[in-house]
Amino acid sequence: EKIRKLVEESVSNPEELQEIRIRTGQPLLIQMKGQERVLPDPVHPYLVTKEDIGETMGYICHYSFYAYENELKQGFITVEGGHRVGVAGKVIIENEKVKNIQYISSLNVRISHEVLGCADALIPYITENKQICHTLIISPPCCGKTTLIRDLIRQISDGNEYIKGCSVGVVDERSELGGCYLGIAQNHLGTRTDILDCCPKAEGMIMLIRSMAPRVIAVDEIGTSEDIHAIEYAMQCGCRMIASVHGLNMDEASNKPVLGDLIRRRMFQRYVVLGNEKGPGEILGIYDERGSVLCRNL
């Protein structure tokens, strides 16, 4: 309740709020438009108590931690509206796998924002003959890549003047794209979209190909060798890919293990590099499969 009041008093426009950082014994922090703020002010910060953490977790879990045990294993809980609460504390290991998280000391409330139409300017550059090109989005954290992918999925699924609407399979490992709550997507991902929520990306891509026959598969934040091999398999099965990876530029992405091999073999047809100097969602450059510049500072 104390934290809620402080946020309400300090944030005049909730649409600008990105994160609420709650750490035991530390100042209460929020992120707004890419800028960090101490609440209520840097001179007199509010220090989060153990009781604040417990009360907040109680609200999030509806006072039933057991019901959210599977989500806690992954280090986060998705709440209604598609917002995600990251959790840190003592990790309980059983049979070399995470069983639970106890003695929770930190929470990161990440506010989900839908920006319908944020991919409007990008769509013409990543489509050909009314079909989406294999596209990799390269972005540092907090540059709006998830929001951008979410709107791309919606436009591909519904269709528009640049692309014919088609079935899209989404592997939403961390419930960020669809923001599913009790299995129902809280974000608009289009009329022809099927979502595998809380499913590992590599396994989910194979499952979708076998069960849902998608024309396009979308995943966020690829990284493991299993992810890359599954992407290559999906491409060979005729699926178009929309994926993202953490990175600063084309060179950094090309130097990543396994992923770099896909780039050198020109498996992706388009690369989109994001930045954040002017705010989340800034497109620094769009490149073709050869690395040639199609557009800068879109």
C-alpha atoms as a PDB file:
ATOM      1  CA  GLU A   1       0.000   0.000   0.000  1.00  0.00           C
ATOM      2  CA  LYS A   2       2.838   2.432   0.825  1.00  0.00           C
ATOM      3  CA  ILE A   3       4.567   1.728  -2.484  1.00  0.00           C
ATOM      4  CA  ARG A   4       1.315   2.078  -4.405  1.00  0.00           C
ATOM      5  CA  LYS A   5       0.635   5.494  -2.849  1.00  0.00           C
ATOM      6  CA  LEU A   6       4.160   6.715  -3.583  1.00  0.00           C
ATOM      7  CA  VAL A   7       3.895   5.670  -7.233  1.00  0.00           C
ATOM      8  CA  GLU A   8       0.431   7.189  -7.623  1.00  0.00           C
ATOM      9  CA  GLU A   9       1.597  10.503  -6.115  1.00  0.00           C
ATOM     10  CA  SER A  10       4.761  10.633  -8.227  1.00  0.00           C
ATOM     11  CA  VAL A  11       3.511   9.445 -11.633  1.00  0.00           C
ATOM     12  CA  SER A  12       1.081  11.798 -13.324  1.00  0.00           C
ATOM     13  CA  ASN A  13       0.936   9.802 -16.590  1.00  0.00           C
ATOM     14  CA  PRO A  14       0.921   6.005 -16.043  1.00  0.00           C
ATOM     15  CA  GLU A  15       1.585   5.460 -19.774  1.00  0.00           C
ATOM     16  CA  GLU A  16       5.124   6.771 -19.229  1.00  0.00           C
ATOM     17  CA  LEU A  17       5.893   4.266 -16.446  1.00  0.00           C
ATOM     18  CA  GLN A  18       8.162   1.390 -17.529  1.00  0.00           C
ATOM     19  CA  GLU A  19       9.470  -0.284 -14.364  1.00  0.00           C
ATOM     20  CA  ILE A  20       9.079  -0.294 -10.585  1.00  0.00           C
ATOM     21  CA  ARG A  21      12.159  -1.640  -8.792  1.00  0.00           C
ATOM     22  CA  ILE A  22      11.530  -2.915  -5.263  1.00  0.00           C
ATOM     23  CA  ARG A  23      14.570  -4.147  -3.296  1.00  0.00           C
ATOM     24  CA  THR A  24      14.665  -4.887   0.426  1.00  0.00           C
ATOM     25  CA  GLY A  25      16.531  -2.147   2.313  1.00  0.00           C
ATOM     26  CA  GLN A  26      17.114  -0.084  -0.835  1.00  0.00           C
ATOM     27  CA  PRO A  27      15.462   3.058  -2.246  1.00  0.00           C
ATOM     28  CA  LEU A  28      12.284   2.622  -4.258  1.00  0.00           C
ATOM     29  CA  LEU A  29      13.127   3.243  -7.954  1.00  0.00           C
ATOM     30  CA  ILE A  30      11.045   3.690 -11.066  1.00  0.00           C
ATOM     31  CA  GLN A  31      11.867   3.981 -14.765  1.00  0.00           C
ATOM     32  CA  MET A  32       9.978   6.564 -16.836  1.00  0.00           C
ATOM     33  CA  LYS A  33      10.743   7.251 -20.501  1.00  0.00           C
ATOM     34  CA  GLY A  34      14.159   5.643 -20.044  1.00  0.00           C
ATOM     35  CA  GLN A  35      15.046   7.770 -17.004  1.00  0.00           C
ATOM     36  CA  GLU A  36      15.474   6.441 -13.475  1.00  0.00           C
ATOM     37  CA  ARG A  37      13.824   8.234 -10.540  1.00  0.00           C
ATOM     38  CA  VAL A  38      14.086   7.758  -6.768  1.00  0.00           C
ATOM     39  CA  LEU A  39      10.788   7.978  -4.882  1.00  0.00           C
ATOM     40  CA  PRO A  40       9.683  10.224  -3.404  1.00  0.00           C
ATOM     41  CA  ASP A  41      12.932  12.132  -4.057  1.00  0.00           C
ATOM     42  CA  PRO A  42      16.712  11.473  -3.979  1.00  0.00           C
ATOM     43  CA  VAL A  43      17.209  13.429  -0.743  1.00  0.00           C
ATOM     44  CA  HIS A  44      14.515  11.555   1.194  1.00  0.00           C
ATOM     45  CA  PRO A  45      14.231   8.133  -0.491  1.00  0.00           C
ATOM     46  CA  TYR A  46      11.729   5.578   0.684  1.00  0.00           C
ATOM     47  CA  LEU A  47      13.594   2.458   1.812  1.00  0.00           C
ATOM     48  CA  VAL A  48      11.736  -0.717   0.920  1.00  0.00           C
ATOM     49  CA  THR A  49      11.043  -3.049   3.861  1.00  0.00           C
ATOM     50  CA  LYS A  50      10.760  -6.817   4.015  1.00  0.00           C
ATOM     51  CA  GLU A  51       7.096  -6.305   4.809  1.00  0.00           C
ATOM     52  CA  ASP A  52       6.618  -4.310   1.600  1.00  0.00           C
ATOM     53  CA  ILE A  53       8.013  -7.225  -0.402  1.00  0.00           C
ATOM     54  CA  GLY A  54       5.762  -9.714   1.390  1.00  0.00           C
ATOM     55  CA  GLU A  55       2.657  -7.577   0.948  1.00  0.00           C
ATOM     56  CA  THR A  56       3.382  -6.989  -2.741  1.00  0.00           C
ATOM     57  CA  MET A  57       3.936 -10.705  -3.403  1.00  0.00           C
ATOM     58  CA  GLY A  58       0.683 -11.446  -1.586  1.00  0.00           C
ATOM     59  CA  TYR A  59      -1.231  -9.133  -3.911  1.00  0.00           C
ATOM     60  CA  ILE A  60       0.478 -10.574  -6.996  1.00  0.00           C
ATOM     61  CA  CYS A  61      -0.180 -14.216  -6.068  1.00  0.00           C
ATOM     62  CA  HIS A  62      -3.653 -13.601  -4.634  1.00  0.00           C
ATOM     63  CA  TYR A  63      -2.198 -14.972  -1.372  1.00  0.00           C
ATOM     64  CA  SER A  64      -1.650 -18.409  -2.907  1.00  0.00           C
ATOM     65  CA  PHE A  65       2.059 -18.931  -3.609  1.00  0.00           C
ATOM     66  CA  TYR A  66       1.446 -22.576  -4.426  1.00  0.00           C
ATOM     67  CA  ALA A  67      -0.795 -21.633  -7.368  1.00  0.00           C
ATOM     68  CA  TYR A  68       2.077 -19.652  -8.914  1.00  0.00           C
ATOM     69  CA  GLU A  69       4.865 -22.127  -8.167  1.00  0.00           C
ATOM     70  CA  ASN A  70       5.428 -23.041 -11.824  1.00  0.00           C
ATOM     71  CA  GLU A  71       5.799 -19.394 -12.825  1.00  0.00           C
ATOM     72  CA  LEU A  72       8.114 -18.649  -9.901  1.00  0.00           C
ATOM     73  CA  LYS A  73      10.445 -21.384 -11.155  1.00  0.00           C
ATOM     74  CA  GLN A  74      11.084 -19.199 -14.194  1.00  0.00           C
ATOM     75  CA  GLY A  75      11.790 -16.126 -12.085  1.00  0.00           C
ATOM     76  CA  PHE A  76       8.716 -14.085 -12.925  1.00  0.00           C
ATOM     77  CA  ILE A  77       4.951 -13.895 -12.617  1.00  0.00           C
ATOM     78  CA  THR A  78       2.669 -12.467 -15.299  1.00  0.00           C
ATOM     79  CA  VAL A  79      -0.326 -10.531 -13.992  1.00  0.00           C
ATOM     80  CA  GLU A  80      -3.551  -9.428 -15.672  1.00  0.00           C
ATOM     81  CA  GLY A  81      -2.858  -6.823 -18.320  1.00  0.00           C
ATOM     82  CA  GLY A  82       0.280  -8.578 -19.542  1.00  0.00           C
ATOM     83  CA  HIS A  83       2.559  -6.950 -16.966  1.00  0.00           C
ATOM     84  CA  ARG A  84       5.460  -9.044 -15.707  1.00  0.00           C
ATOM     85  CA  VAL A  85       6.908  -9.134 -12.192  1.00  0.00           C
ATOM     86  CA  GLY A  86      10.500 -10.395 -12.019  1.00  0.00           C
ATOM     87  CA  VAL A  87      11.509 -12.098  -8.777  1.00  0.00           C
ATOM     88  CA  ALA A  88      14.912 -12.587  -7.105  1.00  0.00           C
ATOM     89  CA  GLY A  89      15.821 -14.322  -3.850  1.00  0.00           C
ATOM     90  CA  LYS A  90      17.063 -17.686  -2.625  1.00  0.00           C
ATOM     91  CA  VAL A  91      16.760 -20.285  -5.368  1.00  0.00           C
ATOM     92  CA  ILE A  92      15.786 -23.817  -4.339  1.00  0.00           C
ATOM     93  CA  ILE A  93      17.377 -26.507  -6.541  1.00  0.00           C
ATOM     94  CA  GLU A  94      16.070 -30.055  -6.865  1.00  0.00           C
ATOM     95  CA  ASN A  95      17.545 -32.631  -9.274  1.00  0.00           C
ATOM     96  CA  GLU A  96      19.718 -29.886 -10.770  1.00  0.00           C
ATOM     97  CA  LYS A  97      16.628 -27.853 -11.720  1.00  0.00           C
ATOM     98  CA  VAL A  98      15.054 -24.772 -10.151  1.00  0.00           C
ATOM     99  CA  LYS A  99      12.188 -25.887  -7.921  1.00  0.00           C
ATOM    100  CA  ASN A 100      11.199 -22.571  -6.354  1.00  0.00           C
ATOM    101  CA  ILE A 101      12.372 -19.160  -5.142  1.00  0.00           C
ATOM    102  CA  GLN A 102      12.163 -18.369  -1.442  1.00  0.00           C
ATOM    103  CA  TYR A 103      13.154 -15.443   0.794  1.00  0.00           C
ATOM    104  CA  ILE A 104      12.296 -13.030  -2.007  1.00  0.00           C
ATOM    105  CA  SER A 105      14.373  -9.849  -1.722  1.00  0.00           C
ATOM    106  CA  SER A 106      13.819  -8.069  -5.063  1.00  0.00           C
ATOM    107  CA  LEU A 107      10.922  -7.423  -7.406  1.00  0.00           C
ATOM    108  CA  ASN A 108      10.941  -5.770 -10.814  1.00  0.00           C
ATOM    109  CA  VAL A 109       7.487  -4.781 -12.021  1.00  0.00           C
ATOM    110  CA  ARG A 110       7.763  -4.346 -15.803  1.00  0.00           C
ATOM    111  CA  ILE A 111       4.822  -2.445 -17.226  1.00  0.00           C
ATOM    112  CA  SER A 112       3.546  -3.787 -20.540  1.00  0.00           C
ATOM    113  CA  HIS A 113       2.749  -1.123 -23.134  1.00  0.00           C
ATOM    114  CA  GLU A 114       1.004  -1.690 -26.424  1.00  0.00           C
ATOM    115  CA  VAL A 115       1.861   0.812 -29.124  1.00  0.00           C
ATOM    116  CA  LEU A 116      -0.472  -0.090 -31.954  1.00  0.00           C
ATOM    117  CA  GLY A 117       1.031   1.037 -35.249  1.00  0.00           C
ATOM    118  CA  CYS A 118       4.618   1.360 -34.004  1.00  0.00           C
ATOM    119  CA  ALA A 119       5.716  -1.025 -36.805  1.00  0.00           C
ATOM    120  CA  ASP A 120       3.969   0.948 -39.573  1.00  0.00           C
ATOM    121  CA  ALA A 121       7.185   2.530 -40.871  1.00  0.00           C
ATOM    122  CA  LEU A 122       9.085  -0.783 -40.750  1.00  0.00           C
ATOM    123  CA  ILE A 123       6.632  -3.045 -42.580  1.00  0.00           C
ATOM    124  CA  PRO A 124       7.408  -1.768 -46.136  1.00  0.00           C
ATOM    125  CA  TYR A 125      11.107  -2.601 -45.704  1.00  0.00           C
ATOM    126  CA  ILE A 126      10.639  -6.190 -44.473  1.00  0.00           C
ATOM    127  CA  THR A 127       7.980  -7.392 -46.919  1.00  0.00           C
ATOM    128  CA  GLU A 128       8.229  -8.626 -50.500  1.00  0.00           C
ATOM    129  CA  ASN A 129       5.412  -9.798 -52.774  1.00  0.00           C
ATOM    130  CA  LYS A 130       2.900  -9.539 -49.909  1.00  0.00           C
ATOM    131  CA  GLN A 131       5.018 -11.843 -47.694  1.00  0.00           C
ATOM    132  CA  ILE A 132       7.190 -11.147 -44.678  1.00  0.00           C
ATOM    133  CA  CYS A 133      10.945 -11.577 -45.032  1.00  0.00           C
ATOM    134  CA  HIS A 134      12.977 -13.609 -42.540  1.00  0.00           C
ATOM    135  CA  THR A 135      13.751 -10.755 -40.127  1.00  0.00           C
ATOM    136  CA  LEU A 136      16.141 -10.454 -37.172  1.00  0.00           C
ATOM    137  CA  ILE A 137      15.768  -7.491 -34.811  1.00  0.00           C
ATOM    138  CA  ILE A 138      19.033  -6.543 -33.071  1.00  0.00           C
ATOM    139  CA  SER A 139      18.631  -4.404 -29.984  1.00  0.00           C
ATOM    140  CA  PRO A 140      20.161  -3.537 -26.596  1.00  0.00           C
ATOM    141  CA  PRO A 141      17.810  -3.885 -23.583  1.00  0.00           C
ATOM    142  CA  CYS A 142      15.044  -1.286 -23.107  1.00  0.00           C
ATOM    143  CA  CYS A 143      14.935  -0.191 -26.755  1.00  0.00           C
ATOM    144  CA  GLY A 144      11.388  -1.329 -27.480  1.00  0.00           C
ATOM    145  CA  LYS A 145      12.087  -4.520 -29.435  1.00  0.00           C
ATOM    146  CA  THR A 146       9.337  -6.528 -27.703  1.00  0.00           C
ATOM    147  CA  THR A 147       6.789  -3.781 -28.331  1.00  0.00           C
ATOM    148  CA  LEU A 148       7.881  -3.629 -31.974  1.00  0.00           C
ATOM    149  CA  ILE A 149       7.645  -7.418 -32.463  1.00  0.00           C
ATOM    150  CA  ARG A 150       4.219  -7.427 -30.823  1.00  0.00           C
ATOM    151  CA  ASP A 151       2.891  -4.924 -33.367  1.00  0.00           C
ATOM    152  CA  LEU A 152       4.600  -6.762 -36.243  1.00  0.00           C
ATOM    153  CA  ILE A 153       2.797  -9.955 -35.214  1.00  0.00           C
ATOM    154  CA  ARG A 154      -0.542  -8.118 -35.149  1.00  0.00           C
ATOM    155  CA  GLN A 155      -0.041  -6.599 -38.595  1.00  0.00           C
ATOM    156  CA  ILE A 156       1.198  -9.852 -40.160  1.00  0.00           C
ATOM    157  CA  SER A 157      -1.717 -11.759 -38.658  1.00  0.00           C
ATOM    158  CA  ASP A 158      -4.417  -9.273 -39.673  1.00  0.00           C
ATOM    159  CA  GLY A 159      -2.827  -8.221 -42.966  1.00  0.00           C
ATOM    160  CA  ASN A 160      -2.617  -4.802 -44.605  1.00  0.00           C
ATOM    161  CA  GLU A 161      -1.621  -3.183 -47.903  1.00  0.00           C
ATOM    162  CA  TYR A 162       1.922  -4.604 -47.643  1.00  0.00           C
ATOM    163  CA  ILE A 163       1.209  -8.147 -46.480  1.00  0.00           C
ATOM    164  CA  LYS A 164      -1.561 -10.685 -46.843  1.00  0.00           C
ATOM    165  CA  GLY A 165      -2.858 -11.793 -43.434  1.00  0.00           C
ATOM    166  CA  CYS A 166      -1.671 -15.267 -42.474  1.00  0.00           C
ATOM    167  CA  SER A 167      -1.349 -17.632 -39.521  1.00  0.00           C
ATOM    168  CA  VAL A 168       1.349 -16.653 -37.008  1.00  0.00           C
ATOM    169  CA  GLY A 169       2.756 -18.961 -34.342  1.00  0.00           C
ATOM    170  CA  VAL A 170       4.208 -17.210 -31.295  1.00  0.00           C
ATOM    171  CA  VAL A 171       6.470 -18.923 -28.776  1.00  0.00           C
ATOM    172  CA  ASP A 172       6.118 -16.627 -25.768  1.00  0.00           C
ATOM    173  CA  GLU A 173       8.607 -18.124 -23.328  1.00  0.00           C
ATOM    174  CA  ARG A 174       8.384 -15.274 -20.815  1.00  0.00           C
ATOM    175  CA  SER A 175       4.790 -14.160 -21.450  1.00  0.00           C
ATOM    176  CA  GLU A 176       5.955 -10.798 -22.763  1.00  0.00           C
ATOM    177  CA  LEU A 177       4.536 -10.804 -26.284  1.00  0.00           C
ATOM    178  CA  GLY A 178       0.975 -11.961 -25.650  1.00  0.00           C
ATOM    179  CA  GLY A 179       1.015 -11.193 -21.933  1.00  0.00           C
ATOM    180  CA  CYS A 180      -1.197 -14.214 -21.359  1.00  0.00           C
ATOM    181  CA  TYR A 181      -3.154 -14.332 -18.109  1.00  0.00           C
ATOM    182  CA  LEU A 182      -4.810 -17.678 -17.346  1.00  0.00           C
ATOM    183  CA  GLY A 183      -4.064 -18.679 -20.932  1.00  0.00           C
ATOM    184  CA  ILE A 184      -5.708 -15.671 -22.572  1.00  0.00           C
ATOM    185  CA  ALA A 185      -3.579 -13.057 -24.362  1.00  0.00           C
ATOM    186  CA  GLN A 186      -3.929  -9.582 -22.872  1.00  0.00           C
ATOM    187  CA  ASN A 187      -2.246  -7.907 -25.842  1.00  0.00           C
ATOM    188  CA  HIS A 188      -3.560  -7.641 -29.399  1.00  0.00           C
ATOM    189  CA  LEU A 189      -1.643 -10.136 -31.561  1.00  0.00           C
ATOM    190  CA  GLY A 190      -4.103 -10.437 -34.420  1.00  0.00           C
ATOM    191  CA  THR A 191      -6.924 -12.708 -35.539  1.00  0.00           C
ATOM    192  CA  ARG A 192      -4.753 -15.477 -37.003  1.00  0.00           C
ATOM    193  CA  THR A 193      -2.256 -15.865 -34.152  1.00  0.00           C
ATOM    194  CA  ASP A 194      -1.652 -18.943 -31.986  1.00  0.00           C
ATOM    195  CA  ILE A 195       0.422 -18.605 -28.804  1.00  0.00           C
ATOM    196  CA  LEU A 196       2.450 -21.131 -26.834  1.00  0.00           C
ATOM    197  CA  ASP A 197       2.774 -19.397 -23.476  1.00  0.00           C
ATOM    198  CA  CYS A 198       5.660 -20.089 -21.043  1.00  0.00           C
ATOM    199  CA  CYS A 199       7.155 -22.600 -23.476  1.00  0.00           C
ATOM    200  CA  PRO A 200      10.895 -22.894 -24.215  1.00  0.00           C
ATOM    201  CA  LYS A 201      11.561 -21.335 -27.622  1.00  0.00           C
ATOM    202  CA  ALA A 202      13.330 -24.270 -29.285  1.00  0.00           C
ATOM    203  CA  GLU A 203      10.705 -26.824 -28.241  1.00  0.00           C
ATOM    204  CA  GLY A 204       7.855 -24.436 -28.957  1.00  0.00           C
ATOM    205  CA  MET A 205       8.893 -23.748 -32.546  1.00  0.00           C
ATOM    206  CA  ILE A 206       8.946 -27.479 -33.322  1.00  0.00           C
ATOM    207  CA  MET A 207       5.578 -27.966 -31.580  1.00  0.00           C
ATOM    208  CA  LEU A 208       3.953 -25.174 -33.589  1.00  0.00           C
ATOM    209  CA  ILE A 209       5.239 -26.520 -36.909  1.00  0.00           C
ATOM    210  CA  ARG A 210       3.856 -29.967 -36.132  1.00  0.00           C
ATOM    211  CA  SER A 211       0.518 -28.892 -34.675  1.00  0.00           C
ATOM    212  CA  MET A 212      -0.545 -25.442 -35.938  1.00  0.00           C
ATOM    213  CA  ALA A 213       1.070 -25.162 -39.419  1.00  0.00           C
ATOM    214  CA  PRO A 214       2.004 -21.476 -39.088  1.00  0.00           C
ATOM    215  CA  ARG A 215       3.136 -19.433 -42.090  1.00  0.00           C
ATOM    216  CA  VAL A 216       5.179 -17.198 -39.777  1.00  0.00           C
ATOM    217  CA  ILE A 217       6.860 -17.953 -36.441  1.00  0.00           C
ATOM    218  CA  ALA A 218       7.767 -15.159 -34.004  1.00  0.00           C
ATOM    219  CA  VAL A 219      10.107 -15.442 -31.001  1.00  0.00           C
ATOM    220  CA  ASP A 220      11.759 -12.879 -28.732  1.00  0.00           C
ATOM    221  CA  GLU A 221      15.344 -12.892 -27.436  1.00  0.00           C
ATOM    222  CA  ILE A 222      16.946 -15.940 -29.030  1.00  0.00           C
ATOM    223  CA  GLY A 223      20.278 -16.996 -27.593  1.00  0.00           C
ATOM    224  CA  THR A 224      20.953 -20.691 -27.149  1.00  0.00           C
ATOM    225  CA  SER A 225      22.282 -23.046 -29.808  1.00  0.00           C
ATOM    226  CA  GLU A 226      18.983 -24.955 -29.518  1.00  0.00           C
ATOM    227  CA  ASP A 227      17.095 -21.764 -30.445  1.00  0.00           C
ATOM    228  CA  ILE A 228      19.260 -21.232 -33.530  1.00  0.00           C
ATOM    229  CA  HIS A 229      18.927 -24.833 -34.708  1.00  0.00           C
ATOM    230  CA  ALA A 230      15.132 -24.656 -34.273  1.00  0.00           C
ATOM    231  CA  ILE A 231      15.030 -21.420 -36.309  1.00  0.00           C
ATOM    232  CA  GLU A 232      16.988 -23.070 -39.121  1.00  0.00           C
ATOM    233  CA  TYR A 233      14.634 -26.055 -39.020  1.00  0.00           C
ATOM    234  CA  ALA A 234      11.597 -23.735 -39.190  1.00  0.00           C
ATOM    235  CA  MET A 235      13.059 -21.913 -42.191  1.00  0.00           C
ATOM    236  CA  GLN A 236      13.687 -25.216 -43.958  1.00  0.00           C
ATOM    237  CA  CYS A 237      10.053 -26.164 -43.288  1.00  0.00           C
ATOM    238  CA  GLY A 238       8.897 -23.095 -45.181  1.00  0.00           C
ATOM    239  CA  CYS A 239       8.039 -20.869 -42.203  1.00  0.00           C
ATOM    240  CA  ARG A 240       9.004 -17.199 -42.248  1.00  0.00           C
ATOM    241  CA  MET A 241      10.840 -16.082 -39.090  1.00  0.00           C
ATOM    242  CA  ILE A 242      10.572 -12.960 -36.945  1.00  0.00           C
ATOM    243  CA  ALA A 243      13.141 -13.051 -34.128  1.00  0.00           C
ATOM    244  CA  SER A 244      15.121 -10.727 -31.895  1.00  0.00           C
ATOM    245  CA  VAL A 245      18.520 -10.882 -30.228  1.00  0.00           C
ATOM    246  CA  HIS A 246      20.390  -8.666 -27.783  1.00  0.00           C
ATOM    247  CA  GLY A 247      23.157  -6.714 -29.497  1.00  0.00           C
ATOM    248  CA  LEU A 248      24.408  -3.246 -30.339  1.00  0.00           C
ATOM    249  CA  ASN A 249      24.883  -3.618 -34.086  1.00  0.00           C
ATOM    250  CA  MET A 250      25.319  -5.997 -37.005  1.00  0.00           C
ATOM    251  CA  ASP A 251      28.956  -6.736 -36.171  1.00  0.00           C
ATOM    252  CA  GLU A 252      28.149  -7.820 -32.627  1.00  0.00           C
ATOM    253  CA  ALA A 253      25.336 -10.082 -33.818  1.00  0.00           C
ATOM    254  CA  SER A 254      27.606 -11.605 -36.483  1.00  0.00           C
ATOM    255  CA  ASN A 255      30.188 -12.491 -33.824  1.00  0.00           C
ATOM    256  CA  LYS A 256      27.749 -14.448 -31.660  1.00  0.00           C
ATOM    257  CA  PRO A 257      28.337 -18.207 -31.598  1.00  0.00           C
ATOM    258  CA  VAL A 258      26.023 -20.227 -33.879  1.00  0.00           C
ATOM    259  CA  LEU A 259      23.880 -17.168 -34.731  1.00  0.00           C
ATOM    260  CA  GLY A 260      26.842 -15.694 -36.596  1.00  0.00           C
ATOM    261  CA  ASP A 261      26.867 -18.745 -38.848  1.00  0.00           C
ATOM    262  CA  LEU A 262      23.242 -18.130 -39.854  1.00  0.00           C
ATOM    263  CA  ILE A 263      24.074 -14.512 -40.632  1.00  0.00           C
ATOM    264  CA  ARG A 264      27.128 -15.425 -42.719  1.00  0.00           C
ATOM    265  CA  ARG A 265      25.001 -17.937 -44.644  1.00  0.00           C
ATOM    266  CA  ARG A 266      22.468 -15.150 -45.302  1.00  0.00           C
ATOM    267  CA  MET A 267      19.566 -17.096 -43.806  1.00  0.00           C
ATOM    268  CA  PHE A 268      17.887 -13.872 -42.649  1.00  0.00           C
ATOM    269  CA  GLN A 269      16.727 -11.501 -45.382  1.00  0.00           C
ATOM    270  CA  ARG A 270      16.398  -8.381 -43.212  1.00  0.00           C
ATOM    271  CA  TYR A 271      18.155  -7.003 -40.127  1.00  0.00           C
ATOM    272  CA  VAL A 272      16.705  -4.206 -38.021  1.00  0.00           C
ATOM    273  CA  VAL A 273      18.985  -2.428 -35.506  1.00  0.00           C
ATOM    274  CA  LEU A 274      17.289  -0.479 -32.702  1.00  0.00           C
ATOM    275  CA  GLY A 275      18.585   2.272 -30.414  1.00  0.00           C
ATOM    276  CA  ASN A 276      17.303   4.463 -27.604  1.00  0.00           C
ATOM    277  CA  GLU A 277      18.920   7.886 -27.960  1.00  0.00           C
ATOM    278  CA  LYS A 278      15.642   9.457 -29.038  1.00  0.00           C
ATOM    279  CA  GLY A 279      13.518   7.014 -27.062  1.00  0.00           C
ATOM    280  CA  PRO A 280      12.476   3.337 -27.222  1.00  0.00           C
ATOM    281  CA  GLY A 281      11.701   1.998 -30.685  1.00  0.00           C
ATOM    282  CA  GLU A 282      14.221   4.143 -32.570  1.00  0.00           C
ATOM    283  CA  ILE A 283      15.283   2.311 -35.763  1.00  0.00           C
ATOM    284  CA  LEU A 284      18.958   3.044 -36.416  1.00  0.00           C
ATOM    285  CA  GLY A 285      19.233   0.958 -39.561  1.00  0.00           C
ATOM    286  CA  ILE A 286      17.634  -1.680 -41.779  1.00  0.00           C
ATOM    287  CA  TYR A 287      19.909  -4.040 -43.733  1.00  0.00           C
ATOM    288  CA  ASP A 288      19.411  -6.759 -46.337  1.00  0.00           C
ATOM    289  CA  GLU A 289      20.895 -10.283 -46.262  1.00  0.00           C
ATOM    290  CA  ARG A 290      24.234  -9.015 -47.582  1.00  0.00           C
ATOM    291  CA  GLY A 291      24.484  -6.340 -44.898  1.00  0.00           C
ATOM    292  CA  SER A 292      23.763  -3.503 -47.342  1.00  0.00           C
ATOM    293  CA  VAL A 293      21.935  -0.508 -45.866  1.00  0.00           C
ATOM    294  CA  LEU A 294      18.289  -0.186 -46.923  1.00  0.00           C
ATOM    295  CA  CYS A 295      17.443   2.658 -44.562  1.00  0.00           C
ATOM    296  CA  ARG A 296      18.948   4.627 -41.665  1.00  0.00           C
ATOM    297  CA  ASN A 297      17.342   6.511 -38.778  1.00  0.00           C
ATOM    298  CA  LEU A 298      13.785   5.565 -39.649  1.00  0.00           C
END
